């Protein structure tokens, strides 16, 4: 248990930040999963719509400082490649 006021404050701040980070981490996983499921089912329209949402959301998280710019770009690029692959084969 914390013995100093500053340590108690750090504990409170850490709890808030942990919950916030958990929310964003889960949100990112769900966004990516939606696209991968659509690709697996070869549903081009749904995959393209989910990709639009993913691009917007991931880059919004970059501006908030949750993701690094290159990380978001890499994720979007890979997802885009998978969507293009099923779009060409369809």
N, C-alpha and C. Protein backbone atom coordinates (compact mmCIF):
# COMPACT_ATOMS: atom_id res chain seq x y z
N UNK A 1 0.85 -1.19 0.00
CA UNK A 1 0.00 0.00 0.00
C UNK A 1 0.88 1.24 0.00
N UNK A 2 0.41 2.25 -0.71
CA UNK A 2 1.18 3.49 -0.83
C UNK A 2 1.20 4.26 0.48
N UNK A 3 2.35 4.84 0.77
CA UNK A 3 2.51 5.61 2.00
C UNK A 3 2.57 7.11 1.75
N UNK A 4 2.67 7.51 0.52
CA UNK A 4 2.77 8.94 0.19
C UNK A 4 1.58 9.35 -0.68
N UNK A 5 1.24 10.63 -0.53
CA UNK A 5 0.14 11.16 -1.32
C UNK A 5 0.39 11.02 -2.81
N UNK A 6 1.62 11.28 -3.22
CA UNK A 6 1.95 11.21 -4.64
C UNK A 6 1.85 9.78 -5.16
N UNK A 7 2.21 8.82 -4.31
CA UNK A 7 2.12 7.41 -4.72
C UNK A 7 0.66 6.99 -4.86
N UNK A 8 -0.20 7.50 -3.96
CA UNK A 8 -1.62 7.19 -4.05
C UNK A 8 -2.21 7.77 -5.33
N UNK A 9 -1.77 8.97 -5.68
CA UNK A 9 -2.25 9.60 -6.91
C UNK A 9 -1.79 8.80 -8.13
N UNK A 10 -0.54 8.35 -8.11
CA UNK A 10 -0.03 7.55 -9.23
C UNK A 10 -0.86 6.28 -9.41
N UNK A 11 -1.26 5.66 -8.30
CA UNK A 11 -2.07 4.44 -8.36
C UNK A 11 -3.41 4.74 -9.02
N UNK A 12 -4.03 5.87 -8.65
CA UNK A 12 -5.31 6.25 -9.26
C UNK A 12 -5.14 6.53 -10.75
N UNK A 13 -4.08 7.24 -11.10
CA UNK A 13 -3.85 7.58 -12.51
C UNK A 13 -3.58 6.32 -13.34
N UNK A 14 -2.81 5.41 -12.77
CA UNK A 14 -2.49 4.18 -13.47
C UNK A 14 -3.75 3.37 -13.75
N UNK A 15 -4.65 3.33 -12.78
CA UNK A 15 -5.90 2.58 -12.95
C UNK A 15 -6.72 3.16 -14.10
N UNK A 16 -6.82 4.47 -14.17
CA UNK A 16 -7.59 5.14 -15.23
C UNK A 16 -6.94 4.88 -16.58
N UNK A 17 -5.63 5.04 -16.66
CA UNK A 17 -4.92 4.84 -17.93
C UNK A 17 -4.99 3.39 -18.39
N UNK A 18 -4.93 2.45 -17.45
CA UNK A 18 -5.01 1.04 -17.79
C UNK A 18 -6.36 0.71 -18.41
N UNK A 19 -7.43 1.23 -17.82
CA UNK A 19 -8.76 0.98 -18.36
C UNK A 19 -8.91 1.60 -19.74
N UNK A 20 -8.39 2.81 -19.91
CA UNK A 20 -8.47 3.49 -21.20
C UNK A 20 -7.70 2.70 -22.25
N UNK A 21 -6.49 2.26 -21.92
CA UNK A 21 -5.67 1.50 -22.86
C UNK A 21 -6.33 0.18 -23.22
N UNK A 22 -6.95 -0.47 -22.24
CA UNK A 22 -7.63 -1.74 -22.48
C UNK A 22 -8.78 -1.53 -23.47
N UNK A 23 -9.51 -0.44 -23.31
CA UNK A 23 -10.61 -0.13 -24.23
C UNK A 23 -10.09 0.01 -25.66
N UNK A 24 -9.06 0.81 -25.85
CA UNK A 24 -8.53 1.05 -27.19
C UNK A 24 -7.93 -0.22 -27.79
N UNK A 25 -7.23 -0.98 -26.98
CA UNK A 25 -6.62 -2.22 -27.47
C UNK A 25 -7.70 -3.19 -27.96
N UNK A 26 -8.77 -3.32 -27.20
CA UNK A 26 -9.88 -4.19 -27.57
C UNK A 26 -10.57 -3.66 -28.82
N UNK A 27 -10.76 -2.35 -28.90
CA UNK A 27 -11.41 -1.73 -30.05
C UNK A 27 -10.62 -2.00 -31.34
N UNK A 28 -9.31 -1.87 -31.25
CA UNK A 28 -8.44 -2.12 -32.41
C UNK A 28 -8.56 -3.59 -32.84
N UNK A 29 -8.53 -4.50 -31.88
CA UNK A 29 -8.66 -5.92 -32.21
C UNK A 29 -9.99 -6.23 -32.88
N UNK A 30 -11.07 -5.60 -32.39
CA UNK A 30 -12.40 -5.83 -32.97
C UNK A 30 -12.50 -5.29 -34.39
N UNK A 31 -11.89 -4.13 -34.62
CA UNK A 31 -11.90 -3.53 -35.96
C UNK A 31 -11.20 -4.47 -36.94
N UNK A 32 -10.03 -4.95 -36.55
CA UNK A 32 -9.25 -5.84 -37.41
C UNK A 32 -9.99 -7.16 -37.62
N UNK A 33 -10.60 -7.68 -36.57
CA UNK A 33 -11.32 -8.95 -36.66
C UNK A 33 -12.49 -8.86 -37.65
N UNK A 34 -13.20 -7.73 -37.63
CA UNK A 34 -14.33 -7.56 -38.54
C UNK A 34 -13.89 -7.69 -40.00
N UNK A 35 -12.76 -7.08 -40.32
CA UNK A 35 -12.26 -7.15 -41.69
C UNK A 35 -11.82 -8.58 -42.02
N UNK A 36 -11.09 -9.19 -41.11
CA UNK A 36 -10.59 -10.56 -41.37
C UNK A 36 -11.73 -11.55 -41.54
N UNK A 37 -12.80 -11.38 -40.77
CA UNK A 37 -13.96 -12.26 -40.91
C UNK A 37 -14.63 -12.07 -42.27
N UNK A 38 -14.75 -10.80 -42.69
CA UNK A 38 -15.35 -10.52 -43.99
C UNK A 38 -14.50 -11.09 -45.12
N UNK A 39 -13.18 -11.01 -44.98
CA UNK A 39 -12.26 -11.56 -45.97
C UNK A 39 -12.38 -13.08 -46.00
N UNK A 40 -12.46 -13.69 -44.83
CA UNK A 40 -12.58 -15.15 -44.75
C UNK A 40 -13.88 -15.64 -45.41
N UNK A 41 -14.94 -14.84 -45.26
CA UNK A 41 -16.23 -15.19 -45.87
C UNK A 41 -16.34 -14.71 -47.31
N UNK A 42 -15.30 -14.06 -47.80
CA UNK A 42 -15.24 -13.51 -49.16
C UNK A 42 -16.38 -12.53 -49.44
N UNK A 43 -16.72 -11.75 -48.42
CA UNK A 43 -17.75 -10.72 -48.54
C UNK A 43 -17.07 -9.39 -48.84
N UNK A 44 -16.95 -9.08 -50.11
CA UNK A 44 -16.17 -7.91 -50.56
C UNK A 44 -16.77 -6.61 -50.05
N UNK A 45 -18.08 -6.45 -50.17
CA UNK A 45 -18.74 -5.20 -49.77
C UNK A 45 -18.55 -4.92 -48.28
N UNK A 46 -18.76 -5.95 -47.49
CA UNK A 46 -18.61 -5.79 -46.04
C UNK A 46 -17.15 -5.51 -45.67
N UNK A 47 -16.22 -6.17 -46.34
CA UNK A 47 -14.80 -5.96 -46.07
C UNK A 47 -14.37 -4.54 -46.41
N UNK A 48 -14.86 -4.03 -47.55
CA UNK A 48 -14.49 -2.67 -47.95
C UNK A 48 -15.09 -1.63 -47.00
N UNK A 49 -16.30 -1.87 -46.55
CA UNK A 49 -16.93 -0.95 -45.59
C UNK A 49 -16.18 -0.97 -44.26
N UNK A 50 -15.81 -2.16 -43.81
CA UNK A 50 -15.05 -2.29 -42.55
C UNK A 50 -13.67 -1.67 -42.68
N UNK A 51 -13.09 -1.76 -43.88
CA UNK A 51 -11.76 -1.16 -44.11
C UNK A 51 -11.83 0.36 -44.01
N UNK A 52 -12.90 0.96 -44.51
CA UNK A 52 -13.08 2.41 -44.39
C UNK A 52 -13.10 2.82 -42.92
N UNK A 53 -13.88 2.07 -42.15
CA UNK A 53 -13.99 2.35 -40.71
C UNK A 53 -12.64 2.18 -40.03
N UNK A 54 -11.95 1.10 -40.38
CA UNK A 54 -10.64 0.81 -39.77
C UNK A 54 -9.64 1.92 -40.07
N UNK A 55 -9.60 2.36 -41.31
CA UNK A 55 -8.67 3.42 -41.70
C UNK A 55 -8.93 4.68 -40.89
N UNK A 56 -10.19 5.06 -40.79
CA UNK A 56 -10.56 6.26 -40.05
C UNK A 56 -10.21 6.12 -38.56
N UNK A 57 -10.62 5.02 -37.97
CA UNK A 57 -10.42 4.83 -36.53
C UNK A 57 -8.94 4.72 -36.17
N UNK A 58 -8.19 3.92 -36.91
CA UNK A 58 -6.78 3.73 -36.58
C UNK A 58 -6.01 5.04 -36.70
N UNK A 59 -6.31 5.84 -37.72
CA UNK A 59 -5.61 7.11 -37.85
C UNK A 59 -6.09 8.13 -36.81
N UNK A 60 -7.32 7.97 -36.35
CA UNK A 60 -7.79 8.82 -35.25
C UNK A 60 -7.00 8.48 -33.97
N UNK A 61 -6.72 7.20 -33.78
CA UNK A 61 -5.95 6.79 -32.61
C UNK A 61 -4.51 7.28 -32.70
N UNK A 62 -4.00 7.47 -33.90
CA UNK A 62 -2.66 8.04 -34.08
C UNK A 62 -2.66 9.47 -33.57
N UNK A 63 -3.69 10.23 -33.95
CA UNK A 63 -3.74 11.63 -33.53
C UNK A 63 -3.93 11.77 -32.03
N UNK A 64 -4.53 10.76 -31.39
CA UNK A 64 -4.69 10.78 -29.94
C UNK A 64 -3.46 10.27 -29.21
N UNK A 65 -2.51 9.70 -29.97
CA UNK A 65 -1.29 9.22 -29.35
C UNK A 65 -1.38 7.80 -28.83
N UNK A 66 -2.38 7.05 -29.26
CA UNK A 66 -2.56 5.69 -28.80
C UNK A 66 -1.73 4.73 -29.63
N UNK A 67 -1.69 4.98 -30.93
CA UNK A 67 -0.87 4.19 -31.85
C UNK A 67 0.19 5.08 -32.47
N UNK A 68 1.29 4.46 -32.88
CA UNK A 68 2.28 5.19 -33.65
C UNK A 68 1.82 5.23 -35.10
N UNK A 69 2.27 6.25 -35.81
CA UNK A 69 1.84 6.46 -37.19
C UNK A 69 2.15 5.27 -38.07
N UNK A 70 3.36 4.74 -37.97
CA UNK A 70 3.75 3.63 -38.82
C UNK A 70 2.99 2.34 -38.48
N UNK A 71 2.65 2.17 -37.22
CA UNK A 71 1.89 0.99 -36.80
C UNK A 71 0.51 1.01 -37.46
N UNK A 72 -0.15 2.15 -37.40
CA UNK A 72 -1.47 2.27 -38.01
C UNK A 72 -1.38 2.08 -39.52
N UNK A 73 -0.37 2.68 -40.13
CA UNK A 73 -0.19 2.57 -41.58
C UNK A 73 0.06 1.11 -41.98
N UNK A 74 0.86 0.41 -41.20
CA UNK A 74 1.16 -1.00 -41.48
C UNK A 74 -0.10 -1.85 -41.39
N UNK A 75 -0.88 -1.64 -40.32
CA UNK A 75 -2.11 -2.42 -40.15
C UNK A 75 -3.09 -2.17 -41.30
N UNK A 76 -3.28 -0.90 -41.63
CA UNK A 76 -4.21 -0.56 -42.71
C UNK A 76 -3.73 -1.13 -44.03
N UNK A 77 -2.42 -1.04 -44.28
CA UNK A 77 -1.86 -1.54 -45.52
C UNK A 77 -2.08 -3.04 -45.67
N UNK A 78 -1.84 -3.78 -44.62
CA UNK A 78 -2.00 -5.23 -44.67
C UNK A 78 -3.47 -5.62 -44.84
N UNK A 79 -4.34 -4.89 -44.14
CA UNK A 79 -5.76 -5.18 -44.27
C UNK A 79 -6.25 -4.85 -45.68
N UNK A 80 -5.75 -3.73 -46.21
CA UNK A 80 -6.12 -3.31 -47.56
C UNK A 80 -5.67 -4.35 -48.59
N UNK A 81 -4.48 -4.90 -48.40
CA UNK A 81 -3.97 -5.92 -49.32
C UNK A 81 -4.87 -7.15 -49.31
N UNK A 82 -5.33 -7.54 -48.12
CA UNK A 82 -6.18 -8.73 -48.04
C UNK A 82 -7.55 -8.47 -48.68
N UNK A 83 -8.07 -7.25 -48.52
CA UNK A 83 -9.36 -6.91 -49.13
C UNK A 83 -9.22 -6.86 -50.65
N UNK A 84 -8.14 -6.28 -51.15
CA UNK A 84 -7.91 -6.22 -52.59
C UNK A 84 -7.80 -7.61 -53.19
N UNK A 85 -7.16 -8.50 -52.45
CA UNK A 85 -6.96 -9.87 -52.93
C UNK A 85 -8.31 -10.56 -53.19
N UNK A 86 -9.25 -10.43 -52.24
CA UNK A 86 -10.56 -11.09 -52.46
C UNK A 86 -11.39 -10.33 -53.49
N UNK A 87 -11.18 -9.00 -53.59
CA UNK A 87 -11.92 -8.22 -54.57
C UNK A 87 -11.52 -8.60 -56.00
N UNK A 88 -10.24 -8.89 -56.21
CA UNK A 88 -9.77 -9.28 -57.53
C UNK A 88 -10.24 -10.68 -57.90
N UNK A 89 -10.28 -11.56 -56.92
CA UNK A 89 -10.67 -12.94 -57.19
C UNK A 89 -12.18 -13.09 -57.38
N UNK A 90 -12.91 -12.09 -56.90
CA UNK A 90 -14.39 -12.18 -57.02
C UNK A 90 -14.90 -11.78 -58.37
